Amino acid sequence: MTEKKNDPYIKGLSRRDYIQKVHELIQREGVKAISIRMIAREMGCSSASLYRHFESLTELLYYAELRTLTTYILRLNEGEKRWKNAWDTYMGVWDCYSREAFTHPEAYNLLFFEFTNEKLKDSILEYYNMFPEDIKGTSHIFWTMLKCADFMGRDYEMCKKCIREGVLSPENAKQLNRIACLLFKGYFTTVLKEGISPEEIDERSRMYTSDLELAVYTLASDLKGYKGEWRNKI
C-alpha cells in the first residue's frame, strides 16, 4: 500500500513503531488492558491508523509479544556454551523453554498455541527482519527451530539432531517427540489456567524436565555421558 507523506492517519509510523510501543504498554499495563484506543492515545494517531498496518489488535499483540522470546533466546545462547552433547542440548532447550513459558504463560500461549502454524512461521520471519538485534548470535539449529511453524515440529528439529549424532533411533525419535510435547502441554495448561508464583517456576520447570528425562533414559540409544542433571535437582 502506498502511503501519503502528509496523511494525518499515518504520521510516519511503521509496523516496527507499533510493535515497539505495544510491547512497552504490555510490560506496563498487562496484555489484557491493551485496547485500540489506548494505543492510539499513546502514539498520538487515530485508531484507523492501526488497521493500515495490522489486520486486528490481536495480530499486533502477537507481534509485540514476540519480543518476549528475547530472554528465551539469551538462555539458549548461554546454554549452548555449556552443553557438551546431544542430550545436554535436548534437555537444555526444554529447560530454557519451560522456564520462560511458565514465566510468561499468556504470551507463550498466544505465540505458540493460539495462532495458526503458517501465521506463526510467516510472522517470526518478518519479525526478525524488523528486529534482527533480538536474534543476534543465535546458532543455526535454534534459528531453524524457531522458524518451524509447528509446535511438535520445533521439538523434532532437536530430535533430528539426536538421530544425526547416533544417540536416538528414528522410530524412538517420533515417540520422544510426542511424549515431550504432550507432557509439556499438560504442565503448561495447568500454569495457564491456575497461575504460578515466581517462586514456584524453578520447581515446576524441574518437575517437567525430570519427567521428560525418564523418557530420554528409556528411549536413548546412547546417552553419550549425559549425567541426568535435572532429575537429580528435584
Protein backbone atom coordinates (compact mmCIF):
# COMPACT_ATOMS: atom_id res chain seq x y z
CA MET A 1 0.00 0.00 0.00
CA THR A 2 1.31 3.44 -0.95
CA GLU A 3 1.20 5.84 1.99
CA LYS A 4 0.87 9.59 1.58
CA LYS A 5 3.52 11.55 3.43
CA ASN A 6 1.08 14.08 4.90
CA ASP A 7 -1.71 11.68 5.76
CA PRO A 8 -2.75 12.56 9.35
CA TYR A 9 -3.71 8.92 10.00
CA ILE A 10 -0.19 7.65 9.27
CA LYS A 11 2.10 10.26 10.87
CA GLY A 12 5.16 8.37 9.63
CA LEU A 13 4.52 5.37 11.87
CA SER A 14 5.80 1.95 10.81
CA ARG A 15 4.88 -1.59 11.84
CA ARG A 16 8.05 -1.64 13.94
CA ASP A 17 6.95 1.55 15.74
CA TYR A 18 3.62 -0.01 16.70
CA ILE A 19 5.23 -3.26 17.82
CA GLN A 20 7.80 -1.47 19.96
CA LYS A 21 5.22 0.78 21.64
CA VAL A 22 2.70 -2.01 22.29
CA HIS A 23 5.42 -4.19 23.79
CA GLU A 24 6.18 -1.34 26.20
CA LEU A 25 2.47 -0.98 27.02
CA ILE A 26 2.16 -4.70 27.72
CA GLN A 27 5.07 -4.52 30.16
CA ARG A 28 3.45 -1.57 31.90
CA GLU A 29 -0.26 -2.39 31.81
CA GLY A 30 -0.53 -6.12 31.06
CA VAL A 31 -1.77 -7.58 27.80
CA LYS A 32 -5.44 -7.73 28.88
CA ALA A 33 -5.53 -3.96 29.41
CA ILE A 34 -4.40 -3.08 25.89
CA SER A 35 -7.02 -1.56 23.58
CA ILE A 36 -7.08 0.21 20.22
CA ARG A 37 -7.92 3.48 21.96
CA MET A 38 -5.02 3.15 24.40
CA ILE A 39 -2.57 2.53 21.56
CA ALA A 40 -3.89 5.47 19.54
CA ARG A 41 -3.69 7.77 22.57
CA GLU A 42 -0.14 6.70 23.41
CA MET A 43 1.06 7.06 19.83
CA GLY A 44 -0.84 10.25 19.02
CA CYS A 45 -2.60 8.83 15.99
CA SER A 46 -6.10 7.75 15.03
CA SER A 47 -7.46 4.28 15.70
CA ALA A 48 -7.86 3.80 11.95
CA SER A 49 -4.10 4.12 11.51
CA LEU A 50 -3.51 0.77 13.21
CA TYR A 51 -5.63 -1.05 10.64
CA ARG A 52 -3.41 0.25 7.85
CA HIS A 53 -0.62 -1.84 9.30
CA PHE A 54 -2.30 -4.79 11.07
CA GLU A 55 -5.39 -6.91 10.42
CA SER A 56 -6.52 -6.66 14.03
CA LEU A 57 -5.49 -5.79 17.57
CA THR A 58 -4.79 -9.50 18.16
CA GLU A 59 -2.29 -9.55 15.32
CA LEU A 60 -0.49 -6.50 16.71
CA LEU A 61 -0.44 -8.03 20.20
CA TYR A 62 1.03 -11.20 18.70
CA TYR A 63 3.91 -9.31 17.10
CA ALA A 64 4.50 -7.30 20.27
CA GLU A 65 4.63 -10.47 22.36
CA LEU A 66 7.32 -11.91 20.08
CA ARG A 67 9.70 -9.58 21.91
CA THR A 68 9.13 -11.82 24.94
CA LEU A 69 11.19 -14.51 23.18
CA THR A 70 14.34 -12.40 23.60
CA THR A 71 15.09 -13.78 27.07
CA TYR A 72 14.45 -17.33 25.82
CA ILE A 73 16.98 -16.80 23.03
CA LEU A 74 19.51 -15.41 25.51
CA ARG A 75 19.03 -18.51 27.68
CA LEU A 76 19.63 -20.74 24.66
CA ASN A 77 22.78 -18.90 23.65
CA GLU A 78 24.20 -19.12 27.17
CA GLY A 79 23.21 -22.76 27.48
CA GLU A 80 24.89 -23.70 24.23
CA LYS A 81 28.23 -22.65 25.70
CA ARG A 82 27.83 -25.29 28.45
CA TRP A 83 26.08 -28.17 26.67
CA LYS A 84 28.54 -30.89 25.73
CA ASN A 85 26.47 -33.47 23.86
CA ALA A 86 23.14 -34.03 22.10
CA TRP A 87 21.25 -34.87 25.30
CA ASP A 88 22.62 -31.86 27.14
CA THR A 89 21.27 -29.79 24.27
CA TYR A 90 17.92 -31.55 24.02
CA MET A 91 17.17 -31.31 27.73
CA GLY A 92 18.71 -27.84 27.96
CA VAL A 93 16.42 -26.44 25.27
CA TRP A 94 13.35 -27.76 27.09
CA ASP A 95 14.63 -26.39 30.40
CA CYS A 96 15.05 -22.92 28.85
CA TYR A 97 11.68 -23.08 27.11
CA SER A 98 9.69 -24.31 30.10
CA ARG A 99 11.15 -21.66 32.41
CA GLU A 100 10.28 -18.86 30.01
CA ALA A 101 6.85 -20.28 29.17
CA PHE A 102 5.93 -20.66 32.84
CA THR A 103 7.17 -17.12 33.49
CA HIS A 104 5.12 -15.63 30.61
CA PRO A 105 2.21 -18.06 30.11
CA GLU A 106 -0.19 -15.62 28.41
CA ALA A 107 2.45 -14.51 25.91
CA TYR A 108 3.59 -18.06 25.13
CA ASN A 109 0.02 -19.26 24.76
CA LEU A 110 -0.64 -16.52 22.20
CA LEU A 111 2.63 -17.14 20.37
CA PHE A 112 2.69 -20.93 20.21
CA PHE A 113 -0.87 -22.18 20.58
CA GLU A 114 -3.48 -19.59 19.56
CA PHE A 115 -2.24 -18.55 16.10
CA THR A 116 -2.22 -20.88 13.12
CA ASN A 117 1.04 -22.60 12.28
CA GLU A 118 1.55 -20.79 8.98
CA LYS A 119 0.83 -17.45 10.63
CA LEU A 120 3.49 -18.20 13.22
CA LYS A 121 6.07 -19.12 10.59
CA ASP A 122 5.48 -16.02 8.46
CA SER A 123 5.30 -13.69 11.46
CA ILE A 124 8.54 -14.92 13.01
CA LEU A 125 10.40 -14.44 9.73
CA GLU A 126 9.02 -10.91 9.32
CA TYR A 127 9.56 -10.00 12.96
CA TYR A 128 13.24 -10.91 13.00
CA ASN A 129 13.76 -9.00 9.77
CA MET A 130 12.41 -5.94 11.63
CA PHE A 131 14.25 -6.71 14.89
CA PRO A 132 17.47 -8.50 13.88
CA GLU A 133 19.06 -7.47 17.18
CA ASP A 134 16.72 -9.87 19.01
CA ILE A 135 18.21 -12.89 17.21
CA LYS A 136 21.84 -11.76 17.22
CA GLY A 137 24.31 -14.55 17.87
CA THR A 138 21.77 -17.36 17.76
CA SER A 139 23.09 -20.62 16.32
CA HIS A 140 21.76 -22.21 13.16
CA ILE A 141 19.97 -25.07 14.93
CA PHE A 142 17.98 -22.69 17.14
CA TRP A 143 17.17 -20.36 14.26
CA THR A 144 15.91 -23.36 12.28
CA MET A 145 13.85 -24.48 15.29
CA LEU A 146 12.30 -21.02 15.82
CA LYS A 147 11.31 -20.74 12.16
CA CYS A 148 9.48 -24.07 12.23
CA ALA A 149 5.73 -23.45 12.07
CA ASP A 150 4.57 -26.40 14.15
CA PHE A 151 4.99 -26.82 17.93
CA MET A 152 5.87 -30.51 17.67
CA GLY A 153 8.00 -29.75 14.62
CA ARG A 154 10.24 -27.48 16.64
CA ASP A 155 11.00 -30.26 19.10
CA TYR A 156 11.53 -32.69 16.24
CA GLU A 157 14.32 -30.45 14.93
CA MET A 158 16.15 -31.29 18.16
CA CYS A 159 15.22 -34.97 17.84
CA LYS A 160 16.75 -34.96 14.34
CA LYS A 161 19.99 -33.66 15.84
CA CYS A 162 19.96 -36.66 18.18
CA ILE A 163 19.34 -39.01 15.23
CA ARG A 164 22.23 -37.49 13.27
CA GLU A 165 24.56 -37.97 16.25
CA GLY A 166 23.53 -41.63 16.56
CA VAL A 167 22.04 -41.38 20.04
CA LEU A 168 18.37 -41.87 19.11
CA SER A 169 16.70 -44.10 16.52
CA PRO A 170 14.24 -42.55 14.04
CA GLU A 171 11.38 -44.64 15.47
CA ASN A 172 12.15 -43.68 19.05
CA ALA A 173 12.53 -40.06 17.98
CA LYS A 174 8.87 -39.98 17.00
CA GLN A 175 7.87 -41.36 20.38
CA LEU A 176 10.11 -38.94 22.30
CA ASN A 177 8.78 -36.03 20.25
CA ARG A 178 5.21 -36.98 21.13
CA ILE A 179 5.97 -37.51 24.83
CA ALA A 180 7.93 -34.25 25.21
CA CYS A 181 5.29 -32.07 23.55
CA LEU A 182 2.17 -33.60 25.09
CA LEU A 183 3.78 -33.68 28.52
CA PHE A 184 4.71 -30.02 28.21
CA LYS A 185 1.20 -29.06 27.11
CA GLY A 186 -0.19 -30.69 30.25
CA TYR A 187 2.17 -28.75 32.51
CA PHE A 188 1.65 -25.53 30.57
CA THR A 189 -2.15 -25.74 30.56
CA THR A 190 -2.12 -26.08 34.35
CA VAL A 191 0.08 -23.00 34.71
CA LEU A 192 -2.05 -21.01 32.27
CA LYS A 193 -5.34 -21.88 33.98
CA GLU A 194 -4.28 -21.91 37.63
CA GLY A 195 -1.42 -19.42 37.61
CA ILE A 196 2.00 -19.79 39.18
CA SER A 197 4.03 -17.65 41.56
CA PRO A 198 7.59 -16.58 40.64
CA GLU A 199 8.88 -18.70 43.50
CA GLU A 200 7.30 -21.85 42.03
CA ILE A 201 8.70 -21.54 38.49
CA ASP A 202 12.07 -23.22 39.09
CA GLU A 203 10.50 -26.20 40.83
CA ARG A 204 7.77 -26.61 38.20
CA SER A 205 10.30 -26.49 35.37
CA ARG A 206 12.47 -29.07 37.11
CA MET A 207 9.45 -31.31 37.60
CA TYR A 208 8.76 -31.15 33.86
CA THR A 209 12.36 -31.81 32.81
CA SER A 210 12.63 -34.61 35.38
CA ASP A 211 9.57 -36.33 33.90
CA LEU A 212 10.90 -35.81 30.38
CA GLU A 213 14.27 -37.20 31.38
CA LEU A 214 12.65 -40.55 32.22
CA ALA A 215 11.59 -40.80 28.58
CA VAL A 216 15.11 -39.93 27.43
CA TYR A 217 16.61 -42.69 29.60
CA THR A 218 14.09 -45.16 28.20
CA LEU A 219 14.40 -44.25 24.51
CA ALA A 220 18.04 -43.17 24.04
CA SER A 221 20.31 -45.46 22.04
CA ASP A 222 23.38 -43.90 23.64
CA LEU A 223 23.45 -41.36 26.49
CA LYS A 224 26.94 -40.14 25.46
CA GLY A 225 27.89 -39.32 29.02
CA TYR A 226 24.71 -37.45 29.87
CA LYS A 227 24.55 -37.20 33.65
CA GLY A 228 20.86 -36.76 34.35
CA GLU A 229 21.20 -33.19 35.61
CA TRP A 230 17.53 -32.24 36.01
CA ARG A 231 16.18 -35.39 37.66
CA ASN A 232 18.69 -35.09 40.46
CA LYS A 233 17.68 -31.50 41.25
CA ILE A 234 14.13 -32.29 42.41
